[in-house]
């Protein structure tokens, strides 16, 4: 648990401004490393890839309806 999350957020913001946007290669390396870490922890791949799909579909439907309604204004 972070004792001062605002301080961490400011540090992350400062670093990202200084380093600039991630290039595709660096982003891919980070993603791959995170995926490997999740696999080693047993979190990925999911045992049942369709678990929770109903909730995801309902959420997508709500978000899509909000998007369509806001574009009409």
PDB file of N, CA and C in Angstrom:
ATOM      1  N   UNK A   1       0.843  -1.174   0.000  1.00  0.00           N
ATOM      2  CA  UNK A   1       0.000   0.000   0.000  1.00  0.00           C
ATOM      3  C   UNK A   1       0.889   1.238   0.000  1.00  0.00           C
ATOM      4  N   UNK A   2       0.583   2.160  -0.874  1.00  0.00           N
ATOM      5  CA  UNK A   2       1.351   3.393  -0.956  1.00  0.00           C
ATOM      6  C   UNK A   2       0.895   4.366   0.118  1.00  0.00           C
ATOM      7  N   UNK A   3       1.865   4.971   0.786  1.00  0.00           N
ATOM      8  CA  UNK A   3       1.514   5.948   1.812  1.00  0.00           C
ATOM      9  C   UNK A   3       1.207   7.306   1.205  1.00  0.00           C
ATOM     10  N   UNK A   4       1.834   7.602   0.058  1.00  0.00           N
ATOM     11  CA  UNK A   4       1.614   8.896  -0.579  1.00  0.00           C
ATOM     12  C   UNK A   4       1.451   8.687  -2.088  1.00  0.00           C
ATOM     13  N   UNK A   5       0.268   8.244  -2.515  1.00  0.00           N
ATOM     14  CA  UNK A   5       0.078   7.964  -3.945  1.00  0.00           C
ATOM     15  C   UNK A   5       0.197   9.207  -4.824  1.00  0.00           C
ATOM     16  N   UNK A   6      -0.119  10.366  -4.290  1.00  0.00           N
ATOM     17  CA  UNK A   6      -0.010  11.609  -5.068  1.00  0.00           C
ATOM     18  C   UNK A   6       1.448  11.873  -5.444  1.00  0.00           C
ATOM     19  N   UNK A   7       2.363  11.602  -4.534  1.00  0.00           N
ATOM     20  CA  UNK A   7       3.788  11.782  -4.803  1.00  0.00           C
ATOM     21  C   UNK A   7       4.241  10.839  -5.925  1.00  0.00           C
ATOM     22  N   UNK A   8       3.779   9.611  -5.896  1.00  0.00           N
ATOM     23  CA  UNK A   8       4.117   8.645  -6.945  1.00  0.00           C
ATOM     24  C   UNK A   8       3.549   9.103  -8.287  1.00  0.00           C
ATOM     25  N   UNK A   9       2.301   9.576  -8.290  1.00  0.00           N
ATOM     26  CA  UNK A   9       1.681  10.049  -9.529  1.00  0.00           C
ATOM     27  C   UNK A   9       2.478  11.206 -10.115  1.00  0.00           C
ATOM     28  N   UNK A  10       2.908  12.149  -9.267  1.00  0.00           N
ATOM     29  CA  UNK A  10       3.699  13.286  -9.748  1.00  0.00           C
ATOM     30  C   UNK A  10       5.030  12.816 -10.328  1.00  0.00           C
ATOM     31  N   UNK A  11       5.657  11.850  -9.674  1.00  0.00           N
ATOM     32  CA  UNK A  11       6.920  11.309 -10.175  1.00  0.00           C
ATOM     33  C   UNK A  11       6.717  10.645 -11.536  1.00  0.00           C
ATOM     34  N   UNK A  12       5.657   9.847 -11.659  1.00  0.00           N
ATOM     35  CA  UNK A  12       5.368   9.195 -12.938  1.00  0.00           C
ATOM     36  C   UNK A  12       5.099  10.222 -14.031  1.00  0.00           C
ATOM     37  N   UNK A  13       4.346  11.269 -13.704  1.00  0.00           N
ATOM     38  CA  UNK A  13       4.065  12.321 -14.686  1.00  0.00           C
ATOM     39  C   UNK A  13       5.349  13.012 -15.130  1.00  0.00           C
ATOM     40  N   UNK A  14       6.209  13.312 -14.171  1.00  0.00           N
ATOM     41  CA  UNK A  14       7.471  13.985 -14.482  1.00  0.00           C
ATOM     42  C   UNK A  14       8.346  13.107 -15.385  1.00  0.00           C
ATOM     43  N   UNK A  15       8.433  11.831 -15.051  1.00  0.00           N
ATOM     44  CA  UNK A  15       9.238  10.915 -15.863  1.00  0.00           C
ATOM     45  C   UNK A  15       8.673  10.766 -17.268  1.00  0.00           C
ATOM     46  N   UNK A  16       7.350  10.652 -17.378  1.00  0.00           N
ATOM     47  CA  UNK A  16       6.764  10.472 -18.709  1.00  0.00           C
ATOM     48  C   UNK A  16       6.927  11.722 -19.564  1.00  0.00           C
ATOM     49  N   UNK A  17       6.869  12.900 -18.957  1.00  0.00           N
ATOM     50  CA  UNK A  17       7.102  14.133 -19.727  1.00  0.00           C
ATOM     51  C   UNK A  17       8.552  14.210 -20.191  1.00  0.00           C
ATOM     52  N   UNK A  18       9.467  13.800 -19.337  1.00  0.00           N
ATOM     53  CA  UNK A  18      10.880  13.873 -19.685  1.00  0.00           C
ATOM     54  C   UNK A  18      11.241  12.843 -20.758  1.00  0.00           C
ATOM     55  N   UNK A  19      10.699  11.635 -20.643  1.00  0.00           N
ATOM     56  CA  UNK A  19      11.053  10.577 -21.584  1.00  0.00           C
ATOM     57  C   UNK A  19      10.244  10.621 -22.871  1.00  0.00           C
ATOM     58  N   UNK A  20       9.084  11.245 -22.854  1.00  0.00           N
ATOM     59  CA  UNK A  20       8.245  11.316 -24.043  1.00  0.00           C
ATOM     60  C   UNK A  20       7.436  10.049 -24.239  1.00  0.00           C
ATOM     61  N   UNK A  21       6.761   9.991 -25.374  1.00  0.00           N
ATOM     62  CA  UNK A  21       5.903   8.844 -25.674  1.00  0.00           C
ATOM     63  C   UNK A  21       6.744   7.595 -25.905  1.00  0.00           C
ATOM     64  N   UNK A  22       6.178   6.454 -25.554  1.00  0.00           N
ATOM     65  CA  UNK A  22       6.860   5.182 -25.793  1.00  0.00           C
ATOM     66  C   UNK A  22       6.817   4.837 -27.270  1.00  0.00           C
ATOM     67  N   UNK A  23       7.920   4.341 -27.755  1.00  0.00           N
ATOM     68  CA  UNK A  23       7.930   3.826 -29.113  1.00  0.00           C
ATOM     69  C   UNK A  23       7.302   2.442 -29.136  1.00  0.00           C
ATOM     70  N   UNK A  24       6.965   1.978 -30.324  1.00  0.00           N
ATOM     71  CA  UNK A  24       6.315   0.675 -30.455  1.00  0.00           C
ATOM     72  C   UNK A  24       7.195  -0.444 -29.911  1.00  0.00           C
ATOM     73  N   UNK A  25       8.487  -0.420 -30.233  1.00  0.00           N
ATOM     74  CA  UNK A  25       9.388  -1.488 -29.786  1.00  0.00           C
ATOM     75  C   UNK A  25       9.472  -1.554 -28.266  1.00  0.00           C
ATOM     76  N   UNK A  26       9.626  -0.401 -27.633  1.00  0.00           N
ATOM     77  CA  UNK A  26       9.732  -0.374 -26.174  1.00  0.00           C
ATOM     78  C   UNK A  26       8.413  -0.812 -25.534  1.00  0.00           C
ATOM     79  N   UNK A  27       7.296  -0.341 -26.080  1.00  0.00           N
ATOM     80  CA  UNK A  27       5.988  -0.734 -25.551  1.00  0.00           C
ATOM     81  C   UNK A  27       5.786  -2.242 -25.695  1.00  0.00           C
ATOM     82  N   UNK A  28       6.225  -2.801 -26.812  1.00  0.00           N
ATOM     83  CA  UNK A  28       6.101  -4.248 -27.027  1.00  0.00           C
ATOM     84  C   UNK A  28       6.947  -5.032 -26.031  1.00  0.00           C
ATOM     85  N   UNK A  29       8.156  -4.553 -25.771  1.00  0.00           N
ATOM     86  CA  UNK A  29       9.022  -5.225 -24.794  1.00  0.00           C
ATOM     87  C   UNK A  29       8.404  -5.178 -23.399  1.00  0.00           C
ATOM     88  N   UNK A  30       7.846  -4.030 -23.031  1.00  0.00           N
ATOM     89  CA  UNK A  30       7.204  -3.903 -21.718  1.00  0.00           C
ATOM     90  C   UNK A  30       6.009  -4.844 -21.621  1.00  0.00           C
ATOM     91  N   UNK A  31       5.178  -4.856 -22.663  1.00  0.00           N
ATOM     92  CA  UNK A  31       4.011  -5.738 -22.671  1.00  0.00           C
ATOM     93  C   UNK A  31       4.435  -7.196 -22.540  1.00  0.00           C
ATOM     94  N   UNK A  32       5.446  -7.591 -23.308  1.00  0.00           N
ATOM     95  CA  UNK A  32       5.915  -8.975 -23.273  1.00  0.00           C
ATOM     96  C   UNK A  32       6.424  -9.338 -21.884  1.00  0.00           C
ATOM     97  N   UNK A  33       7.179  -8.439 -21.267  1.00  0.00           N
ATOM     98  CA  UNK A  33       7.696  -8.700 -19.922  1.00  0.00           C
ATOM     99  C   UNK A  33       6.558  -8.822 -18.909  1.00  0.00           C
ATOM    100  N   UNK A  34       5.551  -7.954 -19.039  1.00  0.00           N
ATOM    101  CA  UNK A  34       4.412  -8.019 -18.122  1.00  0.00           C
ATOM    102  C   UNK A  34       3.621  -9.309 -18.338  1.00  0.00           C
ATOM    103  N   UNK A  35       3.464  -9.719 -19.587  1.00  0.00           N
ATOM    104  CA  UNK A  35       2.745 -10.967 -19.887  1.00  0.00           C
ATOM    105  C   UNK A  35       3.485 -12.154 -19.263  1.00  0.00           C
ATOM    106  N   UNK A  36       4.814 -12.198 -19.444  1.00  0.00           N
ATOM    107  CA  UNK A  36       5.604 -13.294 -18.880  1.00  0.00           C
ATOM    108  C   UNK A  36       5.496 -13.321 -17.358  1.00  0.00           C
ATOM    109  N   UNK A  37       5.501 -12.157 -16.735  1.00  0.00           N
ATOM    110  CA  UNK A  37       5.353 -12.075 -15.280  1.00  0.00           C
ATOM    111  C   UNK A  37       3.997 -12.621 -14.850  1.00  0.00           C
ATOM    112  N   UNK A  38       2.943 -12.245 -15.566  1.00  0.00           N
ATOM    113  CA  UNK A  38       1.600 -12.729 -15.237  1.00  0.00           C
ATOM    114  C   UNK A  38       1.508 -14.245 -15.414  1.00  0.00           C
ATOM    115  N   UNK A  39       2.145 -14.772 -16.452  1.00  0.00           N
ATOM    116  CA  UNK A  39       2.146 -16.224 -16.670  1.00  0.00           C
ATOM    117  C   UNK A  39       2.892 -16.912 -15.532  1.00  0.00           C
ATOM    118  N   UNK A  40       4.033 -16.347 -15.127  1.00  0.00           N
ATOM    119  CA  UNK A  40       4.809 -16.973 -14.050  1.00  0.00           C
ATOM    120  C   UNK A  40       4.067 -16.930 -12.716  1.00  0.00           C
ATOM    121  N   UNK A  41       3.196 -15.935 -12.536  1.00  0.00           N
ATOM    122  CA  UNK A  41       2.390 -15.848 -11.316  1.00  0.00           C
ATOM    123  C   UNK A  41       1.135 -16.710 -11.393  1.00  0.00           C
ATOM    124  N   UNK A  42       0.855 -17.260 -12.563  1.00  0.00           N
ATOM    125  CA  UNK A  42      -0.311 -18.107 -12.739  1.00  0.00           C
ATOM    126  C   UNK A  42      -1.601 -17.346 -12.991  1.00  0.00           C
ATOM    127  N   UNK A  43      -1.497 -16.059 -13.286  1.00  0.00           N
ATOM    128  CA  UNK A  43      -2.682 -15.235 -13.530  1.00  0.00           C
ATOM    129  C   UNK A  43      -3.144 -15.362 -14.976  1.00  0.00           C
ATOM    130  N   UNK A  44      -2.225 -15.499 -15.899  1.00  0.00           N
ATOM    131  CA  UNK A  44      -2.527 -15.652 -17.321  1.00  0.00           C
ATOM    132  C   UNK A  44      -1.924 -16.944 -17.822  1.00  0.00           C
ATOM    133  N   UNK A  45      -2.451 -17.553 -18.803  1.00  0.00           N
ATOM    134  CA  UNK A  45      -3.741 -17.288 -19.434  1.00  0.00           C
ATOM    135  C   UNK A  45      -4.862 -17.742 -18.508  1.00  0.00           C
ATOM    136  N   UNK A  46      -6.036 -17.171 -18.668  1.00  0.00           N
ATOM    137  CA  UNK A  46      -7.144 -17.555 -17.789  1.00  0.00           C
ATOM    138  C   UNK A  46      -7.539 -19.017 -18.007  1.00  0.00           C
ATOM    139  N   UNK A  47      -7.973 -19.657 -16.926  1.00  0.00           N
ATOM    140  CA  UNK A  47      -8.395 -21.057 -17.036  1.00  0.00           C
ATOM    141  C   UNK A  47      -9.600 -21.184 -17.956  1.00  0.00           C
ATOM    142  N   UNK A  48     -10.526 -20.247 -17.835  1.00  0.00           N
ATOM    143  CA  UNK A  48     -11.717 -20.232 -18.691  1.00  0.00           C
ATOM    144  C   UNK A  48     -11.776 -18.867 -19.368  1.00  0.00           C
ATOM    145  N   UNK A  49     -11.327 -18.766 -20.618  1.00  0.00           N
ATOM    146  CA  UNK A  49     -11.263 -17.469 -21.287  1.00  0.00           C
ATOM    147  C   UNK A  49     -12.614 -16.773 -21.431  1.00  0.00           C
ATOM    148  N   UNK A  50     -13.705 -17.532 -21.369  1.00  0.00           N
ATOM    149  CA  UNK A  50     -15.033 -16.926 -21.525  1.00  0.00           C
ATOM    150  C   UNK A  50     -15.672 -16.556 -20.187  1.00  0.00           C
ATOM    151  N   UNK A  51     -14.974 -16.813 -19.080  1.00  0.00           N
ATOM    152  CA  UNK A  51     -15.523 -16.461 -17.775  1.00  0.00           C
ATOM    153  C   UNK A  51     -15.727 -14.948 -17.696  1.00  0.00           C
ATOM    154  N   UNK A  52     -16.916 -14.547 -17.335  1.00  0.00           N
ATOM    155  CA  UNK A  52     -17.228 -13.129 -17.203  1.00  0.00           C
ATOM    156  C   UNK A  52     -17.583 -12.442 -18.507  1.00  0.00           C
ATOM    157  N   UNK A  53     -17.697 -13.200 -19.591  1.00  0.00           N
ATOM    158  CA  UNK A  53     -17.973 -12.591 -20.897  1.00  0.00           C
ATOM    159  C   UNK A  53     -19.326 -11.894 -20.916  1.00  0.00           C
ATOM    160  N   UNK A  54     -20.301 -12.431 -20.165  1.00  0.00           N
ATOM    161  CA  UNK A  54     -21.629 -11.813 -20.143  1.00  0.00           C
ATOM    162  C   UNK A  54     -21.550 -10.391 -19.595  1.00  0.00           C
ATOM    163  N   UNK A  55     -20.790 -10.219 -18.523  1.00  0.00           N
ATOM    164  CA  UNK A  55     -20.633  -8.884 -17.937  1.00  0.00           C
ATOM    165  C   UNK A  55     -19.924  -7.951 -18.911  1.00  0.00           C
ATOM    166  N   UNK A  56     -18.919  -8.462 -19.615  1.00  0.00           N
ATOM    167  CA  UNK A  56     -18.205  -7.643 -20.601  1.00  0.00           C
ATOM    168  C   UNK A  56     -19.131  -7.205 -21.730  1.00  0.00           C
ATOM    169  N   UNK A  57     -19.992  -8.111 -22.167  1.00  0.00           N
ATOM    170  CA  UNK A  57     -20.926  -7.786 -23.251  1.00  0.00           C
ATOM    171  C   UNK A  57     -21.930  -6.733 -22.793  1.00  0.00           C
ATOM    172  N   UNK A  58     -22.446  -6.890 -21.566  1.00  0.00           N
ATOM    173  CA  UNK A  58     -23.392  -5.892 -21.043  1.00  0.00           C
ATOM    174  C   UNK A  58     -22.724  -4.528 -20.919  1.00  0.00           C
ATOM    175  N   UNK A  59     -21.494  -4.505 -20.412  1.00  0.00           N
ATOM    176  CA  UNK A  59     -20.764  -3.248 -20.272  1.00  0.00           C
ATOM    177  C   UNK A  59     -20.528  -2.606 -21.634  1.00  0.00           C
ATOM    178  N   UNK A  60     -20.146  -3.396 -22.616  1.00  0.00           N
ATOM    179  CA  UNK A  60     -19.924  -2.867 -23.966  1.00  0.00           C
ATOM    180  C   UNK A  60     -21.206  -2.285 -24.532  1.00  0.00           C
ATOM    181  N   UNK A  61     -22.330  -2.951 -24.296  1.00  0.00           N
ATOM    182  CA  UNK A  61     -23.613  -2.451 -24.797  1.00  0.00           C
ATOM    183  C   UNK A  61     -23.960  -1.107 -24.164  1.00  0.00           C
ATOM    184  N   UNK A  62     -23.733  -0.988 -22.863  1.00  0.00           N
ATOM    185  CA  UNK A  62     -24.013   0.277 -22.174  1.00  0.00           C
ATOM    186  C   UNK A  62     -23.105   1.380 -22.702  1.00  0.00           C
ATOM    187  N   UNK A  63     -21.817   1.087 -22.817  1.00  0.00           N
ATOM    188  CA  UNK A  63     -20.874   2.099 -23.300  1.00  0.00           C
ATOM    189  C   UNK A  63     -21.187   2.510 -24.732  1.00  0.00           C
ATOM    190  N   UNK A  64     -21.534   1.554 -25.564  1.00  0.00           N
ATOM    191  CA  UNK A  64     -21.880   1.878 -26.947  1.00  0.00           C
ATOM    192  C   UNK A  64     -23.133   2.727 -27.020  1.00  0.00           C
ATOM    193  N   UNK A  65     -24.125   2.435 -26.186  1.00  0.00           N
ATOM    194  CA  UNK A  65     -25.351   3.241 -26.214  1.00  0.00           C
ATOM    195  C   UNK A  65     -25.069   4.659 -25.733  1.00  0.00           C
ATOM    196  N   UNK A  66     -24.194   4.799 -24.739  1.00  0.00           N
ATOM    197  CA  UNK A  66     -23.826   6.142 -24.264  1.00  0.00           C
ATOM    198  C   UNK A  66     -23.099   6.906 -25.358  1.00  0.00           C
ATOM    199  N   UNK A  67     -22.221   6.225 -26.062  1.00  0.00           N
ATOM    200  CA  UNK A  67     -21.458   6.855 -27.135  1.00  0.00           C
ATOM    201  C   UNK A  67     -22.383   7.332 -28.248  1.00  0.00           C
ATOM    202  N   UNK A  68     -23.358   6.512 -28.611  1.00  0.00           N
ATOM    203  CA  UNK A  68     -24.297   6.887 -29.667  1.00  0.00           C
ATOM    204  C   UNK A  68     -25.165   8.057 -29.232  1.00  0.00           C
ATOM    205  N   UNK A  69     -25.593   8.053 -27.972  1.00  0.00           N
ATOM    206  CA  UNK A  69     -26.441   9.135 -27.472  1.00  0.00           C
ATOM    207  C   UNK A  69     -25.682  10.452 -27.390  1.00  0.00           C
ATOM    208  N   UNK A  70     -24.411  10.412 -27.005  1.00  0.00           N
ATOM    209  CA  UNK A  70     -23.650  11.652 -26.870  1.00  0.00           C
ATOM    210  C   UNK A  70     -23.301  12.250 -28.229  1.00  0.00           C
ATOM    211  N   UNK A  71     -23.205  11.423 -29.267  1.00  0.00           N
ATOM    212  CA  UNK A  71     -22.869  11.950 -30.593  1.00  0.00           C
ATOM    213  C   UNK A  71     -24.060  12.625 -31.259  1.00  0.00           C
ATOM    214  N   UNK A  72     -25.259  12.375 -30.755  1.00  0.00           N
ATOM    215  CA  UNK A  72     -26.464  12.986 -31.328  1.00  0.00           C
ATOM    216  C   UNK A  72     -26.654  14.421 -30.857  1.00  0.00           C
ATOM    217  N   UNK A  73     -25.995  14.789 -29.793  1.00  0.00           N
ATOM    218  CA  UNK A  73     -26.192  16.132 -29.218  1.00  0.00           C
ATOM    219  C   UNK A  73     -25.522  17.203 -30.015  1.00  0.00           C
TER     220      UNK A  73
END
